[in-house]
Amino acid sequence: MKMKAALLGAVALLGFAPAAFAERGSDGEVKLTFPQAVSIMNPYLSAGTKDIIASAMVIEAMAAIDDQGNMVPRMAVEIPTLANGGVSADMTSITWKLIPGLLWSDGTAVTADDAVFTWQYCTNPDGGCAQATKYDGVASVEAVDASTVKVTFNAPKPNPYTTFVGALSPILQKAQFANCVGAAAPTCTDANNMPIGTGPFMVTGFTVNDTVTLAANPNYRDPAKPAFATAVIKGGGDAEGSARAVMETGEFDYAWNTQIPPDSQAAMSAAGKGQFVVAFGTLVERLEMNTTDP
């Protein structure tokens, strides 16, 4: 069963997930429509939310934040804390343990070297990394062993959950991006548009500023996920058009960032093909100042 929904909040797709299914790919294809088309699948080279959301389906970090604000492990076995020894007592380091046997979608093993490389990739001064703030205050990233990554900070860090946490700080495959460091970063078209990841999907096709096609990752760690065998993200147009494609025509299953007036929402809802999901977050689209009335 597919859930059709049009999303009004700009960040709430992070809380959208299909229900668990007994078998990977059992629910066929899911079609998503974005008013803004995806332009790149490497979040380190884009600050655009539409690019970050799309790439998060493919590449992951050690941990993520769920729709309730809880930190949940992704590539890591558990969340490091002071209590379990993962965060040092002086708050100057955090140590992550990779899930044993974790594989990239191409079947090769994920290692701590991939995390070290990702830090080097984003902090290269010639690379133009859009997420450089995620590595602020990091003195070093060390591969303690093949499955252990230690991040050391320049000083005690009250919140050590910035590096390798969330969709803005995923881990890249070193083998794929090895020749894409520094000034070469934006030239690696294949890697930037079709990254190899550990997420539930892998990219099968990409048309810049138009369409992304994805298929279930056969090496994903949960054999029951993703529920969908394939996914399509179609971009372009406007928010109202995206909403109509879900709520009235039923052409798509999900629309992101459909910020439209309440009366338009009510009219579209009357068709009975889907529901609007309102989400609130801290993202500000823009501020408009009235300079004529001090």
C-alpha atoms as a PDB file:
ATOM      1  CA  MET A   1       0.000   0.000   0.000  1.00  0.00           C
ATOM      2  CA  LYS A   2       1.351   3.420  -0.916  1.00  0.00           C
ATOM      3  CA  MET A   3       0.714   6.542   1.119  1.00  0.00           C
ATOM      4  CA  LYS A   4       0.111   9.600  -1.022  1.00  0.00           C
ATOM      5  CA  ALA A   5       0.983  12.863   0.639  1.00  0.00           C
ATOM      6  CA  ALA A   6       1.800  16.455  -0.158  1.00  0.00           C
ATOM      7  CA  LEU A   7       4.187  18.041   2.284  1.00  0.00           C
ATOM      8  CA  LEU A   8       3.992  21.705   3.219  1.00  0.00           C
ATOM      9  CA  GLY A   9       7.025  22.046   5.495  1.00  0.00           C
ATOM     10  CA  ALA A  10      10.396  22.537   3.815  1.00  0.00           C
ATOM     11  CA  VAL A  11      12.247  20.100   6.058  1.00  0.00           C
ATOM     12  CA  ALA A  12       9.667  17.523   7.038  1.00  0.00           C
ATOM     13  CA  LEU A  13      10.567  14.897   4.455  1.00  0.00           C
ATOM     14  CA  LEU A  14      13.202  13.842   6.960  1.00  0.00           C
ATOM     15  CA  GLY A  15      10.333  12.449   8.999  1.00  0.00           C
ATOM     16  CA  PHE A  16       8.650  10.637   6.113  1.00  0.00           C
ATOM     17  CA  ALA A  17       9.215   6.918   5.884  1.00  0.00           C
ATOM     18  CA  PRO A  18       7.096   4.065   4.552  1.00  0.00           C
ATOM     19  CA  ALA A  19       5.915   1.491   7.019  1.00  0.00           C
ATOM     20  CA  ALA A  20       8.038  -1.611   7.453  1.00  0.00           C
ATOM     21  CA  PHE A  21       7.379  -4.423   5.006  1.00  0.00           C
ATOM     22  CA  ALA A  22       8.237  -8.098   5.152  1.00  0.00           C
ATOM     23  CA  GLU A  23      10.170  -8.124   1.902  1.00  0.00           C
ATOM     24  CA  ARG A  24      12.451  -5.662   0.161  1.00  0.00           C
ATOM     25  CA  GLY A  25      10.878  -4.062  -2.894  1.00  0.00           C
ATOM     26  CA  SER A  26       7.429  -5.521  -2.243  1.00  0.00           C
ATOM     27  CA  ASP A  27       5.635  -2.197  -2.789  1.00  0.00           C
ATOM     28  CA  GLY A  28       6.821  -1.529  -6.342  1.00  0.00           C
ATOM     29  CA  GLU A  29       7.732   2.018  -7.311  1.00  0.00           C
ATOM     30  CA  VAL A  30       7.290   5.248  -5.383  1.00  0.00           C
ATOM     31  CA  LYS A  31       7.147   8.553  -7.266  1.00  0.00           C
ATOM     32  CA  LEU A  32       8.196  11.818  -5.650  1.00  0.00           C
ATOM     33  CA  THR A  33       7.840  15.294  -7.081  1.00  0.00           C
ATOM     34  CA  PHE A  34       9.901  18.314  -5.982  1.00  0.00           C
ATOM     35  CA  PRO A  35       9.031  21.882  -7.053  1.00  0.00           C
ATOM     36  CA  GLN A  36      12.794  22.437  -7.242  1.00  0.00           C
ATOM     37  CA  ALA A  37      14.661  19.857  -9.307  1.00  0.00           C
ATOM     38  CA  VAL A  38      17.685  18.000  -7.975  1.00  0.00           C
ATOM     39  CA  SER A  39      20.899  19.390  -9.451  1.00  0.00           C
ATOM     40  CA  ILE A  40      23.549  17.200  -7.783  1.00  0.00           C
ATOM     41  CA  MET A  41      23.629  14.139  -5.516  1.00  0.00           C
ATOM     42  CA  ASN A  42      26.657  15.197  -3.481  1.00  0.00           C
ATOM     43  CA  PRO A  43      25.577  17.338  -0.493  1.00  0.00           C
ATOM     44  CA  TYR A  44      29.139  18.497   0.052  1.00  0.00           C
ATOM     45  CA  LEU A  45      28.842  20.517  -3.140  1.00  0.00           C
ATOM     46  CA  SER A  46      25.333  21.876  -2.553  1.00  0.00           C
ATOM     47  CA  ALA A  47      23.466  23.749   0.146  1.00  0.00           C
ATOM     48  CA  GLY A  48      20.129  23.086  -1.552  1.00  0.00           C
ATOM     49  CA  THR A  49      17.627  21.154   0.549  1.00  0.00           C
ATOM     50  CA  LYS A  50      16.270  19.318  -2.502  1.00  0.00           C
ATOM     51  CA  ASP A  51      19.754  17.973  -3.261  1.00  0.00           C
ATOM     52  CA  ILE A  52      20.371  17.004   0.353  1.00  0.00           C
ATOM     53  CA  ILE A  53      17.058  15.151   0.673  1.00  0.00           C
ATOM     54  CA  ALA A  54      17.671  13.191  -2.525  1.00  0.00           C
ATOM     55  CA  SER A  55      21.259  12.286  -1.649  1.00  0.00           C
ATOM     56  CA  ALA A  56      20.192  11.115   1.824  1.00  0.00           C
ATOM     57  CA  MET A  57      18.348   8.247   0.158  1.00  0.00           C
ATOM     58  CA  VAL A  58      21.711   6.995  -1.120  1.00  0.00           C
ATOM     59  CA  ILE A  59      24.583   8.080   1.131  1.00  0.00           C
ATOM     60  CA  GLU A  60      24.506   8.062   4.917  1.00  0.00           C
ATOM     61  CA  ALA A  61      26.294   9.271   8.017  1.00  0.00           C
ATOM     62  CA  MET A  62      27.169   7.426  11.198  1.00  0.00           C
ATOM     63  CA  ALA A  63      23.902   8.627  12.706  1.00  0.00           C
ATOM     64  CA  ALA A  64      20.774  10.595  11.868  1.00  0.00           C
ATOM     65  CA  ILE A  65      18.023  12.515  13.649  1.00  0.00           C
ATOM     66  CA  ASP A  66      14.558  10.974  13.441  1.00  0.00           C
ATOM     67  CA  ASP A  67      11.237  12.796  13.186  1.00  0.00           C
ATOM     68  CA  GLN A  68      10.972  12.936  16.985  1.00  0.00           C
ATOM     69  CA  GLY A  69      14.353  14.621  17.361  1.00  0.00           C
ATOM     70  CA  ASN A  70      16.084  11.468  18.588  1.00  0.00           C
ATOM     71  CA  MET A  71      19.557  10.513  17.400  1.00  0.00           C
ATOM     72  CA  VAL A  72      19.556   7.079  15.783  1.00  0.00           C
ATOM     73  CA  PRO A  73      22.511   5.045  14.476  1.00  0.00           C
ATOM     74  CA  ARG A  74      22.862   4.495  10.739  1.00  0.00           C
ATOM     75  CA  MET A  75      26.318   3.279   9.727  1.00  0.00           C
ATOM     76  CA  ALA A  76      27.348   3.002  13.370  1.00  0.00           C
ATOM     77  CA  VAL A  77      26.564   0.236  15.821  1.00  0.00           C
ATOM     78  CA  GLU A  78      25.400   2.698  18.467  1.00  0.00           C
ATOM     79  CA  ILE A  79      25.473   6.357  19.431  1.00  0.00           C
ATOM     80  CA  PRO A  80      28.692   7.153  21.326  1.00  0.00           C
ATOM     81  CA  THR A  81      28.069   8.749  24.735  1.00  0.00           C
ATOM     82  CA  LEU A  82      29.930   9.562  27.910  1.00  0.00           C
ATOM     83  CA  ALA A  83      28.164   6.642  29.578  1.00  0.00           C
ATOM     84  CA  ASN A  84      29.298   4.013  27.048  1.00  0.00           C
ATOM     85  CA  GLY A  85      32.780   5.472  26.648  1.00  0.00           C
ATOM     86  CA  GLY A  86      32.270   6.616  23.075  1.00  0.00           C
ATOM     87  CA  VAL A  87      32.728  10.250  24.098  1.00  0.00           C
ATOM     88  CA  SER A  88      35.868  10.970  26.102  1.00  0.00           C
ATOM     89  CA  ALA A  89      35.511  12.258  29.660  1.00  0.00           C
ATOM     90  CA  ASP A  90      37.192  15.534  28.722  1.00  0.00           C
ATOM     91  CA  MET A  91      34.793  15.970  25.754  1.00  0.00           C
ATOM     92  CA  THR A  92      37.659  16.297  23.273  1.00  0.00           C
ATOM     93  CA  SER A  93      36.944  13.185  21.203  1.00  0.00           C
ATOM     94  CA  ILE A  94      34.201  10.899  19.981  1.00  0.00           C
ATOM     95  CA  THR A  95      34.692   7.358  18.712  1.00  0.00           C
ATOM     96  CA  TRP A  96      32.362   5.666  16.238  1.00  0.00           C
ATOM     97  CA  LYS A  97      32.104   1.926  15.578  1.00  0.00           C
ATOM     98  CA  LEU A  98      30.946   0.837  12.134  1.00  0.00           C
ATOM     99  CA  ILE A  99      28.376  -1.928  11.804  1.00  0.00           C
ATOM    100  CA  PRO A 100      30.286  -5.198  11.225  1.00  0.00           C
ATOM    101  CA  GLY A 101      30.177  -6.326   7.605  1.00  0.00           C
ATOM    102  CA  LEU A 102      28.736  -3.036   6.351  1.00  0.00           C
ATOM    103  CA  LEU A 103      28.876  -2.863   2.534  1.00  0.00           C
ATOM    104  CA  TRP A 104      28.699  -0.168  -0.077  1.00  0.00           C
ATOM    105  CA  SER A 105      26.040  -0.690  -2.738  1.00  0.00           C
ATOM    106  CA  ASP A 106      28.755  -1.997  -5.087  1.00  0.00           C
ATOM    107  CA  GLY A 107      29.461  -4.838  -2.645  1.00  0.00           C
ATOM    108  CA  THR A 108      32.790  -3.573  -1.299  1.00  0.00           C
ATOM    109  CA  ALA A 109      33.464  -3.176   2.406  1.00  0.00           C
ATOM    110  CA  VAL A 110      33.018   0.121   4.235  1.00  0.00           C
ATOM    111  CA  THR A 111      36.058   0.943   6.383  1.00  0.00           C
ATOM    112  CA  ALA A 112      37.182   3.667   8.732  1.00  0.00           C
ATOM    113  CA  ASP A 113      39.419   4.963   5.939  1.00  0.00           C
ATOM    114  CA  ASP A 114      36.286   6.145   4.119  1.00  0.00           C
ATOM    115  CA  ALA A 115      35.448   8.405   7.061  1.00  0.00           C
ATOM    116  CA  VAL A 116      38.994   9.749   7.270  1.00  0.00           C
ATOM    117  CA  PHE A 117      38.900  10.474   3.552  1.00  0.00           C
ATOM    118  CA  THR A 118      35.551  12.271   3.829  1.00  0.00           C
ATOM    119  CA  TRP A 119      36.991  14.630   6.450  1.00  0.00           C
ATOM    120  CA  GLN A 120      39.987  15.309   4.216  1.00  0.00           C
ATOM    121  CA  TYR A 121      37.690  15.836   1.227  1.00  0.00           C
ATOM    122  CA  CYS A 122      35.507  18.451   2.911  1.00  0.00           C
ATOM    123  CA  THR A 123      38.276  20.291   4.711  1.00  0.00           C
ATOM    124  CA  ASN A 124      40.473  20.712   1.633  1.00  0.00           C
ATOM    125  CA  PRO A 125      40.678  24.505   1.201  1.00  0.00           C
ATOM    126  CA  ASP A 126      40.348  24.265  -2.572  1.00  0.00           C
ATOM    127  CA  GLY A 127      37.300  22.008  -2.560  1.00  0.00           C
ATOM    128  CA  GLY A 128      34.535  24.534  -1.866  1.00  0.00           C
ATOM    129  CA  CYS A 129      32.779  22.179   0.557  1.00  0.00           C
ATOM    130  CA  ALA A 130      29.295  23.488   1.335  1.00  0.00           C
ATOM    131  CA  GLN A 131      29.189  21.645   4.670  1.00  0.00           C
ATOM    132  CA  ALA A 132      32.555  22.709   6.057  1.00  0.00           C
ATOM    133  CA  THR A 133      30.959  23.881   9.320  1.00  0.00           C
ATOM    134  CA  LYS A 134      30.232  20.246  10.183  1.00  0.00           C
ATOM    135  CA  TYR A 135      33.981  19.807  10.626  1.00  0.00           C
ATOM    136  CA  ASP A 136      34.621  23.003  12.573  1.00  0.00           C
ATOM    137  CA  GLY A 137      36.933  22.427  15.520  1.00  0.00           C
ATOM    138  CA  VAL A 138      38.068  18.985  14.312  1.00  0.00           C
ATOM    139  CA  ALA A 139      41.797  18.479  14.872  1.00  0.00           C
ATOM    140  CA  SER A 140      41.966  15.005  13.365  1.00  0.00           C
ATOM    141  CA  VAL A 141      39.973  12.006  12.177  1.00  0.00           C
ATOM    142  CA  GLU A 142      41.762   8.712  12.756  1.00  0.00           C
ATOM    143  CA  ALA A 143      41.132   5.142  11.639  1.00  0.00           C
ATOM    144  CA  VAL A 144      41.878   3.342  14.909  1.00  0.00           C
ATOM    145  CA  ASP A 145      41.232   0.092  13.081  1.00  0.00           C
ATOM    146  CA  ALA A 146      39.195  -0.954  10.047  1.00  0.00           C
ATOM    147  CA  SER A 147      35.871  -0.412  11.816  1.00  0.00           C
ATOM    148  CA  THR A 148      36.679   2.311  14.361  1.00  0.00           C
ATOM    149  CA  VAL A 149      36.761   6.060  13.684  1.00  0.00           C
ATOM    150  CA  LYS A 150      38.041   8.535  16.257  1.00  0.00           C
ATOM    151  CA  VAL A 151      37.261  12.235  15.828  1.00  0.00           C
ATOM    152  CA  THR A 152      39.445  14.512  17.977  1.00  0.00           C
ATOM    153  CA  PHE A 153      38.539  18.154  18.559  1.00  0.00           C
ATOM    154  CA  ASN A 154      40.776  21.139  19.192  1.00  0.00           C
ATOM    155  CA  ALA A 155      39.025  21.763  22.497  1.00  0.00           C
ATOM    156  CA  PRO A 156      36.215  20.262  24.602  1.00  0.00           C
ATOM    157  CA  LYS A 157      33.076  20.106  22.479  1.00  0.00           C
ATOM    158  CA  PRO A 158      29.729  20.056  24.324  1.00  0.00           C
ATOM    159  CA  ASN A 159      28.005  18.822  21.161  1.00  0.00           C
ATOM    160  CA  PRO A 160      30.256  16.302  19.411  1.00  0.00           C
ATOM    161  CA  TYR A 161      27.417  15.124  17.148  1.00  0.00           C
ATOM    162  CA  THR A 162      28.109  17.307  14.137  1.00  0.00           C
ATOM    163  CA  THR A 163      30.796  15.474  12.187  1.00  0.00           C
ATOM    164  CA  PHE A 164      29.399  12.381  10.429  1.00  0.00           C
ATOM    165  CA  VAL A 165      25.887  13.009  11.762  1.00  0.00           C
ATOM    166  CA  GLY A 166      22.890  13.762   9.557  1.00  0.00           C
ATOM    167  CA  ALA A 167      22.318  14.307   5.868  1.00  0.00           C
ATOM    168  CA  LEU A 168      24.750  17.250   5.771  1.00  0.00           C
ATOM    169  CA  SER A 169      27.739  15.152   6.842  1.00  0.00           C
ATOM    170  CA  PRO A 170      27.544  11.736   5.156  1.00  0.00           C
ATOM    171  CA  ILE A 171      30.459   9.420   4.498  1.00  0.00           C
ATOM    172  CA  LEU A 172      31.750   9.171   0.936  1.00  0.00           C
ATOM    173  CA  GLN A 173      33.335   6.088  -0.598  1.00  0.00           C
ATOM    174  CA  LYS A 174      37.065   6.770  -0.792  1.00  0.00           C
ATOM    175  CA  ALA A 175      37.521   4.553  -3.843  1.00  0.00           C
ATOM    176  CA  GLN A 176      34.943   6.526  -5.835  1.00  0.00           C
ATOM    177  CA  PHE A 177      36.033  10.035  -4.799  1.00  0.00           C
ATOM    178  CA  ALA A 178      39.800   9.547  -4.449  1.00  0.00           C
ATOM    179  CA  ASN A 179      40.534  11.686  -7.511  1.00  0.00           C
ATOM    180  CA  CYS A 180      37.926  14.315  -6.629  1.00  0.00           C
ATOM    181  CA  VAL A 181      39.696  16.200  -3.857  1.00  0.00           C
ATOM    182  CA  GLY A 182      40.284  19.936  -3.810  1.00  0.00           C
ATOM    183  CA  ALA A 183      39.859  21.839  -7.057  1.00  0.00           C
ATOM    184  CA  ALA A 184      38.925  18.573  -8.812  1.00  0.00           C
ATOM    185  CA  ALA A 185      35.800  18.129  -6.658  1.00  0.00           C
ATOM    186  CA  PRO A 186      33.246  19.734  -9.012  1.00  0.00           C
ATOM    187  CA  THR A 187      34.735  18.048 -12.084  1.00  0.00           C
ATOM    188  CA  CYS A 188      33.817  14.519 -10.981  1.00  0.00           C
ATOM    189  CA  THR A 189      30.422  14.410 -12.673  1.00  0.00           C
ATOM    190  CA  ASP A 190      29.816  10.661 -12.379  1.00  0.00           C
ATOM    191  CA  ALA A 191      30.683  10.518  -8.683  1.00  0.00           C
ATOM    192  CA  ASN A 192      28.752  13.678  -7.807  1.00  0.00           C
ATOM    193  CA  ASN A 193      25.612  12.600  -9.661  1.00  0.00           C
ATOM    194  CA  MET A 194      25.696   8.868  -8.956  1.00  0.00           C
ATOM    195  CA  PRO A 195      27.437   8.367  -5.601  1.00  0.00           C
ATOM    196  CA  ILE A 196      27.934   4.875  -4.216  1.00  0.00           C
ATOM    197  CA  GLY A 197      26.392   4.660  -0.771  1.00  0.00           C
ATOM    198  CA  THR A 198      25.156   2.488   2.069  1.00  0.00           C
ATOM    199  CA  GLY A 199      21.611   3.867   2.074  1.00  0.00           C
ATOM    200  CA  PRO A 200      18.440   2.025   1.086  1.00  0.00           C
ATOM    201  CA  PHE A 201      18.625   3.177  -2.547  1.00  0.00           C
ATOM    202  CA  MET A 202      21.240   3.511  -5.265  1.00  0.00           C
ATOM    203  CA  VAL A 203      21.144   5.867  -8.242  1.00  0.00           C
ATOM    204  CA  THR A 204      20.359   4.243 -11.581  1.00  0.00           C
ATOM    205  CA  GLY A 205      19.901   7.398 -13.640  1.00  0.00           C
ATOM    206  CA  PHE A 206      20.317  11.127 -13.271  1.00  0.00           C
ATOM    207  CA  THR A 207      19.284  14.037 -15.477  1.00  0.00           C
ATOM    208  CA  VAL A 208      20.514  17.301 -13.979  1.00  0.00           C
ATOM    209  CA  ASN A 209      17.686  19.637 -12.956  1.00  0.00           C
ATOM    210  CA  ASP A 210      15.090  17.094 -13.996  1.00  0.00           C
ATOM    211  CA  THR A 211      14.889  13.485 -12.819  1.00  0.00           C
ATOM    212  CA  VAL A 212      16.618  11.034 -10.487  1.00  0.00           C
ATOM    213  CA  THR A 213      15.850   7.320 -10.766  1.00  0.00           C
ATOM    214  CA  LEU A 214      16.773   4.926  -7.992  1.00  0.00           C
ATOM    215  CA  ALA A 215      16.597   1.221  -7.206  1.00  0.00           C
ATOM    216  CA  ALA A 216      16.686  -0.688  -3.943  1.00  0.00           C
ATOM    217  CA  ASN A 217      20.236  -1.252  -2.723  1.00  0.00           C
ATOM    218  CA  PRO A 218      20.762  -5.049  -2.834  1.00  0.00           C
ATOM    219  CA  ASN A 219      23.429  -4.764  -0.122  1.00  0.00           C
ATOM    220  CA  TYR A 220      21.360  -2.696   2.306  1.00  0.00           C
ATOM    221  CA  ARG A 221      21.836  -3.981   5.863  1.00  0.00           C
ATOM    222  CA  ASP A 222      18.111  -4.575   6.513  1.00  0.00           C
ATOM    223  CA  PRO A 223      16.832  -7.324   4.180  1.00  0.00           C
ATOM    224  CA  ALA A 224      13.254  -6.071   4.577  1.00  0.00           C
ATOM    225  CA  LYS A 225      14.028  -2.531   3.421  1.00  0.00           C
ATOM    226  CA  PRO A 226      13.448  -0.472   1.449  1.00  0.00           C
ATOM    227  CA  ALA A 227       9.819  -1.367   0.881  1.00  0.00           C
ATOM    228  CA  PHE A 228       9.979   0.059  -2.639  1.00  0.00           C
ATOM    229  CA  ALA A 229      11.860  -1.648  -5.454  1.00  0.00           C
ATOM    230  CA  THR A 230      12.398   1.616  -7.306  1.00  0.00           C
ATOM    231  CA  ALA A 231      11.945   5.342  -6.769  1.00  0.00           C
ATOM    232  CA  VAL A 232      11.690   8.373  -9.032  1.00  0.00           C
ATOM    233  CA  ILE A 233      12.244  12.002  -8.078  1.00  0.00           C
ATOM    234  CA  LYS A 234      10.863  14.398 -10.681  1.00  0.00           C
ATOM    235  CA  GLY A 235      11.675  18.065 -10.230  1.00  0.00           C
ATOM    236  CA  GLY A 236      10.723  21.408 -11.656  1.00  0.00           C
ATOM    237  CA  GLY A 237       7.549  23.456 -11.983  1.00  0.00           C
ATOM    238  CA  ASP A 238       6.072  25.005  -8.864  1.00  0.00           C
ATOM    239  CA  ALA A 239       4.652  24.057  -5.478  1.00  0.00           C
ATOM    240  CA  GLU A 240       1.039  24.116  -6.614  1.00  0.00           C
ATOM    241  CA  GLY A 241       1.790  21.917  -9.609  1.00  0.00           C
ATOM    242  CA  SER A 242       3.548  19.383  -7.406  1.00  0.00           C
ATOM    243  CA  ALA A 243       0.629  19.335  -4.988  1.00  0.00           C
ATOM    244  CA  ARG A 244      -1.872  18.813  -7.807  1.00  0.00           C
ATOM    245  CA  ALA A 245       0.184  15.921  -9.176  1.00  0.00           C
ATOM    246  CA  VAL A 246      -0.423  14.103  -5.895  1.00  0.00           C
ATOM    247  CA  MET A 247      -3.726  15.418  -4.616  1.00  0.00           C
ATOM    248  CA  GLU A 248      -5.734  15.694  -7.823  1.00  0.00           C
ATOM    249  CA  THR A 249      -4.225  13.666 -10.668  1.00  0.00           C
ATOM    250  CA  GLY A 250      -2.570  10.980  -8.542  1.00  0.00           C
ATOM    251  CA  GLU A 251       0.402  10.932 -10.905  1.00  0.00           C
ATOM    252  CA  PHE A 252       2.833  11.061  -7.979  1.00  0.00           C
ATOM    253  CA  ASP A 253       2.792   9.524  -4.507  1.00  0.00           C
ATOM    254  CA  TYR A 254       4.552  12.285  -2.610  1.00  0.00           C
ATOM    255  CA  ALA A 255       5.239  15.981  -3.070  1.00  0.00           C
ATOM    256  CA  TRP A 256       7.815  17.873  -1.055  1.00  0.00           C
ATOM    257  CA  ASN A 257       7.625  21.509   0.074  1.00  0.00           C
ATOM    258  CA  THR A 258       4.139  22.293  -1.242  1.00  0.00           C
ATOM    259  CA  GLN A 259       3.759  25.637   0.480  1.00  0.00           C
ATOM    260  CA  ILE A 260       0.422  26.808  -0.906  1.00  0.00           C
ATOM    261  CA  PRO A 261      -2.534  28.771   0.559  1.00  0.00           C
ATOM    262  CA  PRO A 262      -5.025  27.008   2.865  1.00  0.00           C
ATOM    263  CA  ASP A 263      -7.918  27.479   0.422  1.00  0.00           C
ATOM    264  CA  SER A 264      -5.936  25.709  -2.312  1.00  0.00           C
ATOM    265  CA  GLN A 265      -5.155  22.901   0.094  1.00  0.00           C
ATOM    266  CA  ALA A 266      -8.814  22.478   0.955  1.00  0.00           C
ATOM    267  CA  ALA A 267      -9.856  22.393  -2.697  1.00  0.00           C
ATOM    268  CA  MET A 268      -7.241  19.763  -3.572  1.00  0.00           C
ATOM    269  CA  SER A 269      -8.044  17.643  -0.526  1.00  0.00           C
ATOM    270  CA  ALA A 270     -11.625  17.363  -1.738  1.00  0.00           C
ATOM    271  CA  ALA A 271     -10.452  15.070  -4.534  1.00  0.00           C
ATOM    272  CA  GLY A 272      -9.762  12.422  -1.901  1.00  0.00           C
ATOM    273  CA  LYS A 273      -6.519  11.169  -3.469  1.00  0.00           C
ATOM    274  CA  GLY A 274      -4.168  12.142  -0.651  1.00  0.00           C
ATOM    275  CA  GLN A 275      -3.553  14.259   2.416  1.00  0.00           C
ATOM    276  CA  PHE A 276      -1.464  17.287   3.270  1.00  0.00           C
ATOM    277  CA  VAL A 277       1.110  16.861   6.014  1.00  0.00           C
ATOM    278  CA  VAL A 278       2.055  20.058   7.803  1.00  0.00           C
ATOM    279  CA  ALA A 279       5.468  20.117   9.451  1.00  0.00           C
ATOM    280  CA  PHE A 280       7.196  22.853  11.384  1.00  0.00           C
ATOM    281  CA  GLY A 281      10.929  23.433  11.566  1.00  0.00           C
ATOM    282  CA  THR A 282      13.580  26.078  11.965  1.00  0.00           C
ATOM    283  CA  LEU A 283      14.274  26.526   8.259  1.00  0.00           C
ATOM    284  CA  VAL A 284      13.453  30.019   7.019  1.00  0.00           C
ATOM    285  CA  GLU A 285      12.769  30.413   3.309  1.00  0.00           C
ATOM    286  CA  ARG A 286      13.122  34.197   3.409  1.00  0.00           C
ATOM    287  CA  LEU A 287      12.461  37.308   5.463  1.00  0.00           C
ATOM    288  CA  GLU A 288      10.653  40.275   3.926  1.00  0.00           C
ATOM    289  CA  MET A 289      11.111  43.665   5.534  1.00  0.00           C
ATOM    290  CA  ASN A 290       8.563  46.456   5.225  1.00  0.00           C
ATOM    291  CA  THR A 291      10.758  49.513   4.670  1.00  0.00           C
ATOM    292  CA  THR A 292       7.850  51.875   4.002  1.00  0.00           C
ATOM    293  CA  ASP A 293       6.361  51.792   7.512  1.00  0.00           C
ATOM    294  CA  PRO A 294       9.015  52.241  10.204  1.00  0.00           C
END
